[in-house]
Amino acid sequence: PYVERLIGSVRRECLDHLIVLNEDHLGRILAAYFSYYHEARAHLSLDRNSPIPRAVCPPEQGKVVAKAYLGGLHHCYTRAA
């Protein structure tokens, strides 16, 4: 069931929204998605954190900036230093 859940997430959050041109392109898309999945995506089982934990940024650290993943399909919001 864990693998089926992951495959479903990859399909729903990534591959349903992009046109894959060839095998190399698919590899680049999946590498970018897994970077997002491990660094920025909120996981309910991890108390809305990512597998690589994100630090809480207080307001005095600056204004909010977005880091785009997959050409802007997904974003991670942090504060600028």
N, C-alpha and C. Protein backbone atom coordinates (compact mmCIF):
# COMPACT_ATOMS: atom_id res chain seq x y z
N PRO A 1 0.80 -1.21 0.00
CA PRO A 1 0.00 0.00 0.00
C PRO A 1 0.85 1.27 0.00
N TYR A 2 2.07 1.23 0.54
CA TYR A 2 2.91 2.42 0.58
C TYR A 2 3.34 2.83 -0.82
N VAL A 3 3.72 1.86 -1.62
CA VAL A 3 4.15 2.14 -2.98
C VAL A 3 2.98 2.63 -3.82
N GLU A 4 1.80 2.04 -3.64
CA GLU A 4 0.63 2.49 -4.38
C GLU A 4 0.29 3.93 -4.03
N ARG A 5 0.44 4.31 -2.76
CA ARG A 5 0.19 5.69 -2.34
C ARG A 5 1.20 6.63 -3.00
N LEU A 6 2.47 6.26 -3.03
CA LEU A 6 3.49 7.09 -3.65
C LEU A 6 3.25 7.24 -5.15
N ILE A 7 2.95 6.14 -5.82
CA ILE A 7 2.69 6.20 -7.26
C ILE A 7 1.48 7.09 -7.54
N GLY A 8 0.45 6.99 -6.72
CA GLY A 8 -0.72 7.85 -6.89
C GLY A 8 -0.39 9.31 -6.69
N SER A 9 0.44 9.62 -5.70
CA SER A 9 0.86 11.01 -5.47
C SER A 9 1.66 11.54 -6.65
N VAL A 10 2.59 10.74 -7.17
CA VAL A 10 3.38 11.16 -8.32
C VAL A 10 2.47 11.45 -9.51
N ARG A 11 1.52 10.58 -9.74
CA ARG A 11 0.61 10.76 -10.88
C ARG A 11 -0.27 11.99 -10.69
N ARG A 12 -0.95 12.10 -9.52
CA ARG A 12 -1.89 13.20 -9.29
C ARG A 12 -1.21 14.56 -9.21
N GLU A 13 -0.06 14.63 -8.53
CA GLU A 13 0.59 15.92 -8.27
C GLU A 13 1.59 16.32 -9.35
N CYS A 14 1.95 15.41 -10.22
CA CYS A 14 3.02 15.71 -11.18
C CYS A 14 2.64 15.32 -12.60
N LEU A 15 2.53 14.05 -12.87
CA LEU A 15 2.42 13.57 -14.25
C LEU A 15 1.09 13.90 -14.91
N ASP A 16 0.02 14.11 -14.14
CA ASP A 16 -1.26 14.49 -14.74
C ASP A 16 -1.23 15.92 -15.29
N HIS A 17 -0.23 16.70 -14.92
CA HIS A 17 -0.18 18.12 -15.29
C HIS A 17 0.91 18.44 -16.30
N LEU A 18 1.71 17.48 -16.67
CA LEU A 18 2.84 17.72 -17.57
C LEU A 18 2.79 16.77 -18.77
N ILE A 19 3.34 17.21 -19.86
CA ILE A 19 3.47 16.37 -21.05
C ILE A 19 4.89 15.82 -21.07
N VAL A 20 5.02 14.52 -21.04
CA VAL A 20 6.33 13.86 -21.05
C VAL A 20 6.73 13.62 -22.50
N LEU A 21 7.91 14.11 -22.88
CA LEU A 21 8.36 14.02 -24.27
C LEU A 21 9.11 12.73 -24.58
N ASN A 22 9.96 12.29 -23.64
CA ASN A 22 10.71 11.06 -23.85
C ASN A 22 11.21 10.55 -22.49
N GLU A 23 11.96 9.48 -22.52
CA GLU A 23 12.42 8.85 -21.28
C GLU A 23 13.35 9.76 -20.48
N ASP A 24 14.25 10.47 -21.15
CA ASP A 24 15.15 11.40 -20.46
C ASP A 24 14.36 12.52 -19.79
N HIS A 25 13.37 13.04 -20.50
CA HIS A 25 12.54 14.10 -19.95
C HIS A 25 11.78 13.59 -18.72
N LEU A 26 11.26 12.38 -18.78
CA LEU A 26 10.58 11.78 -17.64
C LEU A 26 11.52 11.68 -16.44
N GLY A 27 12.76 11.29 -16.67
CA GLY A 27 13.74 11.20 -15.60
C GLY A 27 13.99 12.54 -14.93
N ARG A 28 14.09 13.61 -15.73
CA ARG A 28 14.30 14.95 -15.18
C ARG A 28 13.07 15.42 -14.39
N ILE A 29 11.88 15.14 -14.91
CA ILE A 29 10.65 15.51 -14.22
C ILE A 29 10.56 14.79 -12.88
N LEU A 30 10.82 13.49 -12.87
CA LEU A 30 10.73 12.72 -11.62
C LEU A 30 11.79 13.15 -10.62
N ALA A 31 13.00 13.46 -11.08
CA ALA A 31 14.05 13.95 -10.18
C ALA A 31 13.63 15.26 -9.53
N ALA A 32 13.06 16.17 -10.31
CA ALA A 32 12.59 17.44 -9.76
C ALA A 32 11.43 17.23 -8.80
N TYR A 33 10.51 16.32 -9.13
CA TYR A 33 9.38 16.06 -8.24
C TYR A 33 9.85 15.46 -6.92
N PHE A 34 10.78 14.50 -6.95
CA PHE A 34 11.25 13.90 -5.71
C PHE A 34 12.06 14.87 -4.88
N SER A 35 12.73 15.83 -5.52
CA SER A 35 13.38 16.90 -4.77
C SER A 35 12.33 17.70 -4.02
N TYR A 36 11.24 18.07 -4.69
CA TYR A 36 10.13 18.77 -4.04
C TYR A 36 9.51 17.91 -2.95
N TYR A 37 9.29 16.64 -3.24
CA TYR A 37 8.63 15.71 -2.31
C TYR A 37 9.40 15.59 -1.00
N HIS A 38 10.73 15.56 -1.06
CA HIS A 38 11.55 15.37 0.14
C HIS A 38 11.91 16.68 0.83
N GLU A 39 11.97 17.80 0.10
CA GLU A 39 12.43 19.06 0.67
C GLU A 39 11.30 19.99 1.08
N ALA A 40 10.16 19.97 0.40
CA ALA A 40 9.18 21.02 0.60
C ALA A 40 7.76 20.54 0.84
N ARG A 41 7.38 19.41 0.34
CA ARG A 41 5.98 18.97 0.42
C ARG A 41 5.59 18.63 1.85
N ALA A 42 4.43 19.13 2.26
CA ALA A 42 3.92 18.84 3.60
C ALA A 42 3.35 17.42 3.65
N HIS A 43 3.77 16.65 4.65
CA HIS A 43 3.28 15.28 4.85
C HIS A 43 2.49 15.25 6.15
N LEU A 44 1.26 14.78 6.09
CA LEU A 44 0.43 14.73 7.29
C LEU A 44 1.03 13.83 8.36
N SER A 45 1.64 12.72 7.96
CA SER A 45 2.21 11.79 8.94
C SER A 45 3.43 12.37 9.65
N LEU A 46 4.01 13.44 9.10
CA LEU A 46 5.16 14.10 9.72
C LEU A 46 4.76 15.44 10.34
N ASP A 47 3.50 15.58 10.71
CA ASP A 47 2.97 16.79 11.34
C ASP A 47 3.17 18.00 10.44
N ARG A 48 2.81 17.82 9.17
CA ARG A 48 2.88 18.85 8.12
C ARG A 48 4.31 19.37 7.89
N ASN A 49 5.29 18.51 8.06
CA ASN A 49 6.67 18.84 7.73
C ASN A 49 7.10 17.94 6.59
N SER A 50 8.28 18.16 6.07
CA SER A 50 8.80 17.33 4.98
C SER A 50 9.80 16.32 5.53
N PRO A 51 10.13 15.27 4.77
CA PRO A 51 11.11 14.29 5.26
C PRO A 51 12.46 14.93 5.62
N ILE A 52 12.88 15.93 4.88
CA ILE A 52 14.03 16.75 5.28
C ILE A 52 13.42 17.94 6.01
N PRO A 53 13.49 17.99 7.35
CA PRO A 53 12.74 18.98 8.13
C PRO A 53 13.03 20.42 7.70
N ARG A 54 11.94 21.20 7.71
CA ARG A 54 12.04 22.63 7.39
C ARG A 54 12.03 23.41 8.69
N ALA A 55 12.82 24.47 8.74
CA ALA A 55 12.87 25.32 9.92
C ALA A 55 11.71 26.32 9.88
N VAL A 56 11.23 26.68 11.06
CA VAL A 56 10.20 27.70 11.17
C VAL A 56 10.89 29.06 11.09
N CYS A 57 10.42 29.91 10.19
CA CYS A 57 11.05 31.22 9.97
C CYS A 57 10.20 32.32 10.61
N PRO A 58 10.74 33.01 11.61
CA PRO A 58 9.98 34.10 12.23
C PRO A 58 9.87 35.30 11.29
N PRO A 59 8.86 36.16 11.49
CA PRO A 59 8.64 37.30 10.60
C PRO A 59 9.82 38.25 10.48
N GLU A 60 10.65 38.35 11.50
CA GLU A 60 11.78 39.29 11.43
C GLU A 60 12.89 38.84 10.48
N GLN A 61 12.79 37.66 9.90
CA GLN A 61 13.79 37.19 8.95
C GLN A 61 13.62 37.79 7.56
N GLY A 62 12.58 38.52 7.34
CA GLY A 62 12.40 39.15 6.03
C GLY A 62 11.07 38.81 5.41
N LYS A 63 10.92 39.22 4.16
CA LYS A 63 9.65 38.97 3.49
C LYS A 63 9.59 37.56 2.91
N VAL A 64 8.39 37.14 2.62
CA VAL A 64 8.16 35.78 2.12
C VAL A 64 8.52 35.70 0.64
N VAL A 65 9.28 34.68 0.28
CA VAL A 65 9.64 34.43 -1.11
C VAL A 65 9.25 33.00 -1.46
N ALA A 66 8.98 32.76 -2.73
CA ALA A 66 8.57 31.44 -3.19
C ALA A 66 9.70 30.79 -3.98
N LYS A 67 9.92 29.50 -3.73
CA LYS A 67 10.83 28.71 -4.53
C LYS A 67 9.98 27.79 -5.38
N ALA A 68 10.12 27.90 -6.70
CA ALA A 68 9.29 27.12 -7.62
C ALA A 68 9.92 25.75 -7.88
N TYR A 69 9.08 24.75 -7.93
CA TYR A 69 9.48 23.40 -8.31
C TYR A 69 8.68 23.01 -9.55
N LEU A 70 9.30 22.24 -10.43
CA LEU A 70 8.65 21.74 -11.65
C LEU A 70 8.09 22.87 -12.49
N GLY A 71 8.89 23.91 -12.67
CA GLY A 71 8.49 25.02 -13.53
C GLY A 71 7.33 25.82 -12.99
N GLY A 72 7.13 25.82 -11.68
CA GLY A 72 6.05 26.58 -11.07
C GLY A 72 4.81 25.77 -10.76
N LEU A 73 4.83 24.48 -11.01
CA LEU A 73 3.68 23.63 -10.69
C LEU A 73 3.48 23.57 -9.17
N HIS A 74 4.57 23.53 -8.41
CA HIS A 74 4.53 23.53 -6.96
C HIS A 74 5.47 24.60 -6.44
N HIS A 75 5.21 25.09 -5.24
CA HIS A 75 6.04 26.13 -4.63
C HIS A 75 6.31 25.79 -3.17
N CYS A 76 7.42 26.32 -2.66
CA CYS A 76 7.74 26.26 -1.24
C CYS A 76 7.98 27.71 -0.81
N TYR A 77 7.32 28.14 0.25
CA TYR A 77 7.41 29.51 0.70
C TYR A 77 8.28 29.59 1.94
N THR A 78 9.29 30.47 1.90
CA THR A 78 10.18 30.69 3.03
C THR A 78 10.39 32.19 3.16
N ARG A 79 11.14 32.58 4.15
CA ARG A 79 11.46 33.98 4.33
C ARG A 79 12.89 34.25 3.83
N ALA A 80 13.04 35.40 3.17
CA ALA A 80 14.35 35.80 2.65
C ALA A 80 15.22 36.26 3.81
N ALA A 81 16.50 35.93 3.77
CA ALA A 81 17.41 36.35 4.83
C ALA A 81 17.82 37.79 4.69
